[in-house]
Amino acid sequence: MSLVVFSDLDGTLLDHEHYSYAAAKPALNKLRQQNIQLILASSKTAMELVELRSQMGFSHCPAIVENGAGLLPAEELSTDDLDQSEYQKLLRIISAAPPQLRENFSGFADWSFEEIGRNTGMDALACEKAAARQFSEPGLWSGTPEELQSYKVWLAANEVTLQQGGRFVTHSFGANKAERMSRILEGYANQSVAFTSLALGDAPNDIAMLEAADHGVIVLNPHAQTLPVLPGEQSGQITRTTLPGPQGWNDAVLSHIAKATQR
């Protein structure tokens, strides 16, 4: 039985404030030593994940980008590879929303690199990579919950979905992290080795992925609203960490590696 790990980044594998994964290095090292695949599943763009995936030592693994709206193959990517046609189509739909709803949303396409930096805490180079979008448009919602629901209904009529993350709401044409995870696992299913999946996340847009995995871990994020109790927690299929961010991630992954090797 081989383990495949799917992980959210911000607030999960990366520290909420500093975007550091230093506390998770013991588990990352163990994953590499045992040739366990780590599939990063994030709201980040392909350009953001290429370097981060390489730094962590998992360039040989695919990555789920832009909240599941796209997939980064297990290979390097250059700026010449970016196809933004889907993103431009998405922006046209958002711009066509009723003004009383559209005025409540402010997204990456509306912001300068400096504004992206203020809203994310990232440096200038990171902001440029975050703006290189292909599949989705994240941003901040300033309206009421009722207005947000009306906005979601309008978007759905135009084949666009809106997912709530730990920091932003994100528009896309419907794919999510759980669907991408399933497609990746389907590819592994054709191999002779049996796989068990572990998914880790901290935000509402991670719930479907946590529930679809063999084992899901809700990573404590003191900076975000606590996720509600999920059905899988009663059976033990989903657990929670007591330590936050990469510290909790590290303990959870090391524990599951130990269990997987005992099977």
C-alpha atoms as a PDB file:
ATOM      1  CA  MET A   1       0.000   0.000   0.000  1.00  0.00           C
ATOM      2  CA  SER A   2       1.483   3.363  -1.062  1.00  0.00           C
ATOM      3  CA  LEU A   3       0.505   6.750   0.327  1.00  0.00           C
ATOM      4  CA  VAL A   4      -0.284   9.793  -1.849  1.00  0.00           C
ATOM      5  CA  VAL A   5      -0.522  13.146  -0.080  1.00  0.00           C
ATOM      6  CA  PHE A   6      -2.647  16.061  -1.305  1.00  0.00           C
ATOM      7  CA  SER A   7      -2.107  19.326   0.510  1.00  0.00           C
ATOM      8  CA  ASP A   8      -3.449  22.840   0.605  1.00  0.00           C
ATOM      9  CA  LEU A   9      -0.780  25.507   1.125  1.00  0.00           C
ATOM     10  CA  ASP A  10      -1.750  28.816   2.769  1.00  0.00           C
ATOM     11  CA  GLY A  11      -2.581  28.223   6.431  1.00  0.00           C
ATOM     12  CA  THR A  12      -1.906  24.491   6.028  1.00  0.00           C
ATOM     13  CA  LEU A  13       1.576  23.597   4.750  1.00  0.00           C
ATOM     14  CA  LEU A  14       2.567  27.284   4.668  1.00  0.00           C
ATOM     15  CA  ASP A  15       2.434  29.509   7.735  1.00  0.00           C
ATOM     16  CA  HIS A  16      -0.457  31.983   7.510  1.00  0.00           C
ATOM     17  CA  GLU A  17       1.659  35.073   8.190  1.00  0.00           C
ATOM     18  CA  HIS A  18       5.063  34.331   6.639  1.00  0.00           C
ATOM     19  CA  TYR A  19       4.282  31.687   3.988  1.00  0.00           C
ATOM     20  CA  SER A  20       7.030  29.500   5.472  1.00  0.00           C
ATOM     21  CA  TYR A  21       7.071  25.681   5.495  1.00  0.00           C
ATOM     22  CA  ALA A  22      10.129  25.406   7.752  1.00  0.00           C
ATOM     23  CA  ALA A  23       8.225  23.620  10.526  1.00  0.00           C
ATOM     24  CA  ALA A  24       7.137  20.914   8.058  1.00  0.00           C
ATOM     25  CA  LYS A  25      10.634  20.020   6.809  1.00  0.00           C
ATOM     26  CA  PRO A  26      10.936  16.764   8.812  1.00  0.00           C
ATOM     27  CA  ALA A  27       7.777  15.388   7.167  1.00  0.00           C
ATOM     28  CA  LEU A  28       8.776  16.718   3.729  1.00  0.00           C
ATOM     29  CA  ASN A  29      12.141  14.986   4.073  1.00  0.00           C
ATOM     30  CA  LYS A  30      10.428  11.740   5.063  1.00  0.00           C
ATOM     31  CA  LEU A  31       8.120  11.941   2.035  1.00  0.00           C
ATOM     32  CA  ARG A  32      11.084  12.337  -0.299  1.00  0.00           C
ATOM     33  CA  GLN A  33      13.060   9.554   1.399  1.00  0.00           C
ATOM     34  CA  GLN A  34      10.180   7.119   0.938  1.00  0.00           C
ATOM     35  CA  ASN A  35       9.299   8.318  -2.585  1.00  0.00           C
ATOM     36  CA  ILE A  36       5.803   9.348  -1.497  1.00  0.00           C
ATOM     37  CA  GLN A  37       4.072  11.715  -3.896  1.00  0.00           C
ATOM     38  CA  LEU A  38       3.099  15.148  -2.563  1.00  0.00           C
ATOM     39  CA  ILE A  39       0.468  16.830  -4.717  1.00  0.00           C
ATOM     40  CA  LEU A  40       0.209  20.513  -3.831  1.00  0.00           C
ATOM     41  CA  ALA A  41      -3.399  21.718  -4.121  1.00  0.00           C
ATOM     42  CA  SER A  42      -3.643  25.457  -3.856  1.00  0.00           C
ATOM     43  CA  SER A  43      -5.270  28.689  -4.941  1.00  0.00           C
ATOM     44  CA  LYS A  44      -1.826  29.688  -6.208  1.00  0.00           C
ATOM     45  CA  THR A  45      -1.045  29.966  -9.921  1.00  0.00           C
ATOM     46  CA  ALA A  46       1.158  27.617 -11.925  1.00  0.00           C
ATOM     47  CA  MET A  47       3.908  30.264 -11.982  1.00  0.00           C
ATOM     48  CA  GLU A  48       3.826  30.469  -8.191  1.00  0.00           C
ATOM     49  CA  LEU A  49       3.851  26.712  -7.684  1.00  0.00           C
ATOM     50  CA  VAL A  50       6.663  25.847 -10.103  1.00  0.00           C
ATOM     51  CA  GLU A  51       9.354  27.380  -7.896  1.00  0.00           C
ATOM     52  CA  LEU A  52       7.755  26.384  -4.594  1.00  0.00           C
ATOM     53  CA  ARG A  53       7.275  22.786  -5.744  1.00  0.00           C
ATOM     54  CA  SER A  54      10.919  22.693  -6.824  1.00  0.00           C
ATOM     55  CA  GLN A  55      12.140  24.135  -3.501  1.00  0.00           C
ATOM     56  CA  MET A  56      10.261  21.434  -1.630  1.00  0.00           C
ATOM     57  CA  GLY A  57      11.719  18.749  -3.879  1.00  0.00           C
ATOM     58  CA  PHE A  58       8.547  17.568  -5.606  1.00  0.00           C
ATOM     59  CA  SER A  59       8.908  18.782  -9.194  1.00  0.00           C
ATOM     60  CA  HIS A  60       8.307  15.176 -10.281  1.00  0.00           C
ATOM     61  CA  CYS A  61       4.719  15.433  -8.985  1.00  0.00           C
ATOM     62  CA  PRO A  62       1.779  17.218 -10.632  1.00  0.00           C
ATOM     63  CA  ALA A  63       0.152  20.084  -8.734  1.00  0.00           C
ATOM     64  CA  ILE A  64      -3.426  21.324  -8.519  1.00  0.00           C
ATOM     65  CA  VAL A  65      -3.524  25.070  -9.179  1.00  0.00           C
ATOM     66  CA  GLU A  66      -6.013  27.911  -8.747  1.00  0.00           C
ATOM     67  CA  ASN A  67      -8.296  25.991  -6.368  1.00  0.00           C
ATOM     68  CA  GLY A  68      -8.644  23.067  -8.777  1.00  0.00           C
ATOM     69  CA  ALA A  69      -9.443  25.151 -11.846  1.00  0.00           C
ATOM     70  CA  GLY A  70      -6.211  23.943 -13.478  1.00  0.00           C
ATOM     71  CA  LEU A  71      -3.459  21.318 -13.282  1.00  0.00           C
ATOM     72  CA  LEU A  72       0.306  21.875 -13.394  1.00  0.00           C
ATOM     73  CA  PRO A  73       2.039  18.850 -14.990  1.00  0.00           C
ATOM     74  CA  ALA A  74       5.060  17.210 -13.402  1.00  0.00           C
ATOM     75  CA  GLU A  75       7.530  19.332 -15.312  1.00  0.00           C
ATOM     76  CA  GLU A  76       8.899  22.870 -15.443  1.00  0.00           C
ATOM     77  CA  LEU A  77       6.851  25.733 -16.845  1.00  0.00           C
ATOM     78  CA  SER A  78       7.944  28.905 -18.616  1.00  0.00           C
ATOM     79  CA  THR A  79       6.022  32.126 -19.136  1.00  0.00           C
ATOM     80  CA  ASP A  80       5.695  31.167 -22.823  1.00  0.00           C
ATOM     81  CA  ASP A  81       3.480  28.260 -21.764  1.00  0.00           C
ATOM     82  CA  LEU A  82       0.767  30.429 -20.227  1.00  0.00           C
ATOM     83  CA  ASP A  83      -2.600  30.322 -21.991  1.00  0.00           C
ATOM     84  CA  GLN A  84      -4.852  32.964 -20.442  1.00  0.00           C
ATOM     85  CA  SER A  85      -7.834  32.628 -22.796  1.00  0.00           C
ATOM     86  CA  GLU A  86      -9.992  30.942 -20.146  1.00  0.00           C
ATOM     87  CA  TYR A  87      -9.077  33.635 -17.614  1.00  0.00           C
ATOM     88  CA  GLN A  88     -10.008  36.445 -20.009  1.00  0.00           C
ATOM     89  CA  LYS A  89     -13.375  34.793 -20.647  1.00  0.00           C
ATOM     90  CA  LEU A  90     -13.946  34.581 -16.888  1.00  0.00           C
ATOM     91  CA  LEU A  91     -13.136  38.261 -16.400  1.00  0.00           C
ATOM     92  CA  ARG A  92     -15.639  39.240 -19.103  1.00  0.00           C
ATOM     93  CA  ILE A  93     -18.391  37.379 -17.263  1.00  0.00           C
ATOM     94  CA  ILE A  94     -17.484  38.972 -13.915  1.00  0.00           C
ATOM     95  CA  SER A  95     -17.512  42.427 -15.520  1.00  0.00           C
ATOM     96  CA  ALA A  96     -21.004  41.786 -16.862  1.00  0.00           C
ATOM     97  CA  ALA A  97     -22.479  41.133 -13.405  1.00  0.00           C
ATOM     98  CA  PRO A  98     -25.211  43.520 -12.174  1.00  0.00           C
ATOM     99  CA  PRO A  99     -23.442  46.682 -10.913  1.00  0.00           C
ATOM    100  CA  GLN A 100     -25.007  46.456  -7.431  1.00  0.00           C
ATOM    101  CA  LEU A 101     -23.355  43.044  -7.045  1.00  0.00           C
ATOM    102  CA  ARG A 102     -20.139  43.593  -9.015  1.00  0.00           C
ATOM    103  CA  GLU A 103     -19.211  46.621  -6.903  1.00  0.00           C
ATOM    104  CA  ASN A 104     -18.868  44.356  -3.860  1.00  0.00           C
ATOM    105  CA  PHE A 105     -16.073  42.295  -5.432  1.00  0.00           C
ATOM    106  CA  SER A 106     -12.478  43.412  -5.848  1.00  0.00           C
ATOM    107  CA  GLY A 107     -10.099  40.923  -7.468  1.00  0.00           C
ATOM    108  CA  PHE A 108      -6.565  40.436  -8.696  1.00  0.00           C
ATOM    109  CA  ALA A 109      -7.407  41.891 -12.117  1.00  0.00           C
ATOM    110  CA  ASP A 110      -8.619  45.068 -10.367  1.00  0.00           C
ATOM    111  CA  TRP A 111      -5.431  45.475  -8.307  1.00  0.00           C
ATOM    112  CA  SER A 112      -1.935  46.716  -9.043  1.00  0.00           C
ATOM    113  CA  PHE A 113       1.004  44.569  -7.880  1.00  0.00           C
ATOM    114  CA  GLU A 114       1.262  46.895  -4.878  1.00  0.00           C
ATOM    115  CA  GLU A 115      -2.379  46.294  -3.981  1.00  0.00           C
ATOM    116  CA  ILE A 116      -1.964  42.537  -4.385  1.00  0.00           C
ATOM    117  CA  GLY A 117       0.944  42.830  -1.961  1.00  0.00           C
ATOM    118  CA  ARG A 118      -1.131  44.710   0.596  1.00  0.00           C
ATOM    119  CA  ASN A 119      -3.948  42.164   0.385  1.00  0.00           C
ATOM    120  CA  THR A 120      -1.727  39.070   0.516  1.00  0.00           C
ATOM    121  CA  GLY A 121       1.447  40.101   2.343  1.00  0.00           C
ATOM    122  CA  MET A 122       3.588  38.900  -0.590  1.00  0.00           C
ATOM    123  CA  ASP A 123       6.644  40.663  -2.017  1.00  0.00           C
ATOM    124  CA  ALA A 124       6.716  42.268  -5.478  1.00  0.00           C
ATOM    125  CA  LEU A 125       8.067  39.223  -7.356  1.00  0.00           C
ATOM    126  CA  ALA A 126       5.542  36.906  -5.719  1.00  0.00           C
ATOM    127  CA  CYS A 127       2.734  39.328  -6.596  1.00  0.00           C
ATOM    128  CA  GLU A 128       3.736  39.264 -10.261  1.00  0.00           C
ATOM    129  CA  LYS A 129       3.548  35.469 -10.293  1.00  0.00           C
ATOM    130  CA  ALA A 130       0.216  35.505  -8.455  1.00  0.00           C
ATOM    131  CA  ALA A 131      -1.187  37.824 -11.122  1.00  0.00           C
ATOM    132  CA  ALA A 132      -0.208  35.406 -13.918  1.00  0.00           C
ATOM    133  CA  ARG A 133      -3.586  33.726 -13.784  1.00  0.00           C
ATOM    134  CA  GLN A 134      -4.981  31.181 -16.245  1.00  0.00           C
ATOM    135  CA  PHE A 135      -8.139  29.676 -14.784  1.00  0.00           C
ATOM    136  CA  SER A 136      -9.618  31.622 -11.860  1.00  0.00           C
ATOM    137  CA  GLU A 137     -10.086  35.039 -10.270  1.00  0.00           C
ATOM    138  CA  PRO A 138      -9.754  35.405  -6.487  1.00  0.00           C
ATOM    139  CA  GLY A 139     -10.508  38.524  -4.510  1.00  0.00           C
ATOM    140  CA  LEU A 140     -12.286  40.122  -1.582  1.00  0.00           C
ATOM    141  CA  TRP A 141     -16.031  40.364  -1.045  1.00  0.00           C
ATOM    142  CA  SER A 142     -17.318  43.430   0.805  1.00  0.00           C
ATOM    143  CA  GLY A 143     -21.070  42.907   0.492  1.00  0.00           C
ATOM    144  CA  THR A 144     -23.575  41.237   2.792  1.00  0.00           C
ATOM    145  CA  PRO A 145     -24.091  37.446   2.954  1.00  0.00           C
ATOM    146  CA  GLU A 146     -27.425  37.944   1.205  1.00  0.00           C
ATOM    147  CA  GLU A 147     -25.774  39.892  -1.624  1.00  0.00           C
ATOM    148  CA  LEU A 148     -23.124  37.197  -1.870  1.00  0.00           C
ATOM    149  CA  GLN A 149     -25.810  34.547  -2.306  1.00  0.00           C
ATOM    150  CA  SER A 150     -27.459  36.620  -5.054  1.00  0.00           C
ATOM    151  CA  TYR A 151     -24.077  36.990  -6.722  1.00  0.00           C
ATOM    152  CA  LYS A 152     -23.505  33.229  -6.601  1.00  0.00           C
ATOM    153  CA  VAL A 153     -26.882  32.611  -8.204  1.00  0.00           C
ATOM    154  CA  TRP A 154     -26.100  35.086 -10.996  1.00  0.00           C
ATOM    155  CA  LEU A 155     -22.687  33.517 -11.580  1.00  0.00           C
ATOM    156  CA  ALA A 156     -24.137  29.993 -11.649  1.00  0.00           C
ATOM    157  CA  ALA A 157     -26.542  31.090 -14.388  1.00  0.00           C
ATOM    158  CA  ASN A 158     -23.425  32.040 -16.346  1.00  0.00           C
ATOM    159  CA  GLU A 159     -21.633  28.731 -15.586  1.00  0.00           C
ATOM    160  CA  VAL A 160     -19.249  30.261 -13.048  1.00  0.00           C
ATOM    161  CA  THR A 161     -18.811  28.981  -9.483  1.00  0.00           C
ATOM    162  CA  LEU A 162     -17.593  30.906  -6.444  1.00  0.00           C
ATOM    163  CA  GLN A 163     -15.596  29.107  -3.743  1.00  0.00           C
ATOM    164  CA  GLN A 164     -14.831  30.492  -0.276  1.00  0.00           C
ATOM    165  CA  GLY A 165     -11.198  30.076   0.767  1.00  0.00           C
ATOM    166  CA  GLY A 166      -9.441  31.041   3.953  1.00  0.00           C
ATOM    167  CA  ARG A 167      -8.688  34.537   2.679  1.00  0.00           C
ATOM    168  CA  PHE A 168     -10.469  35.111  -0.643  1.00  0.00           C
ATOM    169  CA  VAL A 169     -13.518  34.117  -2.662  1.00  0.00           C
ATOM    170  CA  THR A 170     -12.508  32.611  -5.999  1.00  0.00           C
ATOM    171  CA  HIS A 171     -14.330  32.475  -9.357  1.00  0.00           C
ATOM    172  CA  SER A 172     -13.809  29.600 -11.772  1.00  0.00           C
ATOM    173  CA  PHE A 173     -15.634  27.491 -14.344  1.00  0.00           C
ATOM    174  CA  GLY A 174     -16.424  24.780 -11.838  1.00  0.00           C
ATOM    175  CA  ALA A 175     -13.546  22.357 -11.277  1.00  0.00           C
ATOM    176  CA  ASN A 176     -12.383  21.999  -7.679  1.00  0.00           C
ATOM    177  CA  LYS A 177      -9.566  20.378  -5.727  1.00  0.00           C
ATOM    178  CA  ALA A 178     -11.552  17.202  -5.050  1.00  0.00           C
ATOM    179  CA  GLU A 179     -12.287  16.637  -8.750  1.00  0.00           C
ATOM    180  CA  ARG A 180      -8.632  17.126  -9.668  1.00  0.00           C
ATOM    181  CA  MET A 181      -7.578  14.772  -6.889  1.00  0.00           C
ATOM    182  CA  SER A 182      -9.956  12.095  -8.194  1.00  0.00           C
ATOM    183  CA  ARG A 183      -8.567  12.402 -11.736  1.00  0.00           C
ATOM    184  CA  ILE A 184      -4.996  12.054 -10.485  1.00  0.00           C
ATOM    185  CA  LEU A 185      -5.902   9.009  -8.406  1.00  0.00           C
ATOM    186  CA  GLU A 186      -7.670   7.453 -11.395  1.00  0.00           C
ATOM    187  CA  GLY A 187      -4.347   7.614 -13.215  1.00  0.00           C
ATOM    188  CA  TYR A 188      -2.615   5.859 -10.338  1.00  0.00           C
ATOM    189  CA  ALA A 189      -5.333   3.198 -10.266  1.00  0.00           C
ATOM    190  CA  ASN A 190      -3.971   1.785 -13.530  1.00  0.00           C
ATOM    191  CA  GLN A 191      -0.724   0.874 -11.776  1.00  0.00           C
ATOM    192  CA  SER A 192      -0.141  -2.440  -9.995  1.00  0.00           C
ATOM    193  CA  VAL A 193       0.399  -0.795  -6.578  1.00  0.00           C
ATOM    194  CA  ALA A 194      -2.576   0.043  -4.350  1.00  0.00           C
ATOM    195  CA  PHE A 195      -2.749   3.651  -3.163  1.00  0.00           C
ATOM    196  CA  THR A 196      -4.302   5.308  -0.161  1.00  0.00           C
ATOM    197  CA  SER A 197      -4.859   9.064  -0.193  1.00  0.00           C
ATOM    198  CA  LEU A 198      -4.254  11.621   2.540  1.00  0.00           C
ATOM    199  CA  ALA A 199      -5.571  15.178   2.132  1.00  0.00           C
ATOM    200  CA  LEU A 200      -4.830  18.154   4.370  1.00  0.00           C
ATOM    201  CA  GLY A 201      -6.490  21.582   4.402  1.00  0.00           C
ATOM    202  CA  ASP A 202      -7.881  24.345   6.567  1.00  0.00           C
ATOM    203  CA  ALA A 203     -10.560  26.219   4.593  1.00  0.00           C
ATOM    204  CA  PRO A 204     -14.076  25.689   3.212  1.00  0.00           C
ATOM    205  CA  ASN A 205     -12.710  25.131  -0.297  1.00  0.00           C
ATOM    206  CA  ASP A 206     -10.758  22.138   1.067  1.00  0.00           C
ATOM    207  CA  ILE A 207     -13.782  20.310   2.500  1.00  0.00           C
ATOM    208  CA  ALA A 208     -14.680  18.344  -0.641  1.00  0.00           C
ATOM    209  CA  MET A 209     -11.059  17.198  -1.005  1.00  0.00           C
ATOM    210  CA  LEU A 210     -10.864  16.171   2.676  1.00  0.00           C
ATOM    211  CA  GLU A 211     -14.097  14.193   2.382  1.00  0.00           C
ATOM    212  CA  ALA A 212     -13.092  12.493  -0.881  1.00  0.00           C
ATOM    213  CA  ALA A 213      -9.708  11.285   0.407  1.00  0.00           C
ATOM    214  CA  ASP A 214      -9.222   8.019   2.291  1.00  0.00           C
ATOM    215  CA  HIS A 215      -8.010  10.147   5.185  1.00  0.00           C
ATOM    216  CA  GLY A 216      -8.591  13.877   5.659  1.00  0.00           C
ATOM    217  CA  VAL A 217      -6.870  16.210   8.116  1.00  0.00           C
ATOM    218  CA  ILE A 218      -8.219  19.623   9.085  1.00  0.00           C
ATOM    219  CA  VAL A 219      -5.168  21.704   9.969  1.00  0.00           C
ATOM    220  CA  LEU A 220      -5.695  24.254  12.720  1.00  0.00           C
ATOM    221  CA  ASN A 221      -5.611  27.846  11.436  1.00  0.00           C
ATOM    222  CA  PRO A 222      -6.099  30.342  14.302  1.00  0.00           C
ATOM    223  CA  HIS A 223      -6.352  33.173  11.745  1.00  0.00           C
ATOM    224  CA  ALA A 224      -9.458  31.789  10.017  1.00  0.00           C
ATOM    225  CA  GLN A 225     -12.936  30.687  11.026  1.00  0.00           C
ATOM    226  CA  THR A 226     -12.942  27.113  12.312  1.00  0.00           C
ATOM    227  CA  LEU A 227     -14.460  24.616   9.898  1.00  0.00           C
ATOM    228  CA  PRO A 228     -17.720  23.016  11.057  1.00  0.00           C
ATOM    229  CA  VAL A 229     -17.721  19.431  12.266  1.00  0.00           C
ATOM    230  CA  LEU A 230     -17.729  17.178   9.213  1.00  0.00           C
ATOM    231  CA  PRO A 231     -19.504  13.793   8.962  1.00  0.00           C
ATOM    232  CA  GLY A 232     -16.193  11.989   8.479  1.00  0.00           C
ATOM    233  CA  GLU A 233     -15.012  13.035  11.916  1.00  0.00           C
ATOM    234  CA  GLN A 234     -17.479  10.655  13.573  1.00  0.00           C
ATOM    235  CA  SER A 235     -15.945   7.654  11.805  1.00  0.00           C
ATOM    236  CA  GLY A 236     -12.351   8.847  12.165  1.00  0.00           C
ATOM    237  CA  GLN A 237     -11.916   9.310   8.422  1.00  0.00           C
ATOM    238  CA  ILE A 238     -11.296  12.994   9.118  1.00  0.00           C
ATOM    239  CA  THR A 239      -9.219  14.256  12.034  1.00  0.00           C
ATOM    240  CA  ARG A 240      -7.972  17.634  13.252  1.00  0.00           C
ATOM    241  CA  THR A 241      -4.553  18.847  14.314  1.00  0.00           C
ATOM    242  CA  THR A 242      -3.999  20.554  17.653  1.00  0.00           C
ATOM    243  CA  LEU A 243      -0.982  22.479  16.355  1.00  0.00           C
ATOM    244  CA  PRO A 244      -1.392  25.176  13.697  1.00  0.00           C
ATOM    245  CA  GLY A 245      -0.213  25.367  10.074  1.00  0.00           C
ATOM    246  CA  PRO A 246       3.024  23.595   9.129  1.00  0.00           C
ATOM    247  CA  GLN A 247       3.558  22.360  12.693  1.00  0.00           C
ATOM    248  CA  GLY A 248       0.254  20.510  12.690  1.00  0.00           C
ATOM    249  CA  TRP A 249       0.840  19.423   9.074  1.00  0.00           C
ATOM    250  CA  ASN A 250       4.218  17.962  10.019  1.00  0.00           C
ATOM    251  CA  ASP A 251       2.831  15.884  12.887  1.00  0.00           C
ATOM    252  CA  ALA A 252      -0.151  14.641  10.876  1.00  0.00           C
ATOM    253  CA  VAL A 253       1.915  13.587   7.852  1.00  0.00           C
ATOM    254  CA  LEU A 254       4.573  11.837   9.938  1.00  0.00           C
ATOM    255  CA  SER A 255       1.818   9.956  11.772  1.00  0.00           C
ATOM    256  CA  HIS A 256       0.166   8.808   8.537  1.00  0.00           C
ATOM    257  CA  ILE A 257       3.499   7.793   7.003  1.00  0.00           C
ATOM    258  CA  ALA A 258       4.132   5.602  10.050  1.00  0.00           C
ATOM    259  CA  LYS A 259       0.689   4.015   9.744  1.00  0.00           C
ATOM    260  CA  ALA A 260       1.093   3.451   5.992  1.00  0.00           C
ATOM    261  CA  THR A 261       4.428   1.684   6.410  1.00  0.00           C
ATOM    262  CA  GLN A 262       2.939  -0.638   9.045  1.00  0.00           C
ATOM    263  CA  ARG A 263       0.261  -1.940   6.676  1.00  0.00           C
END
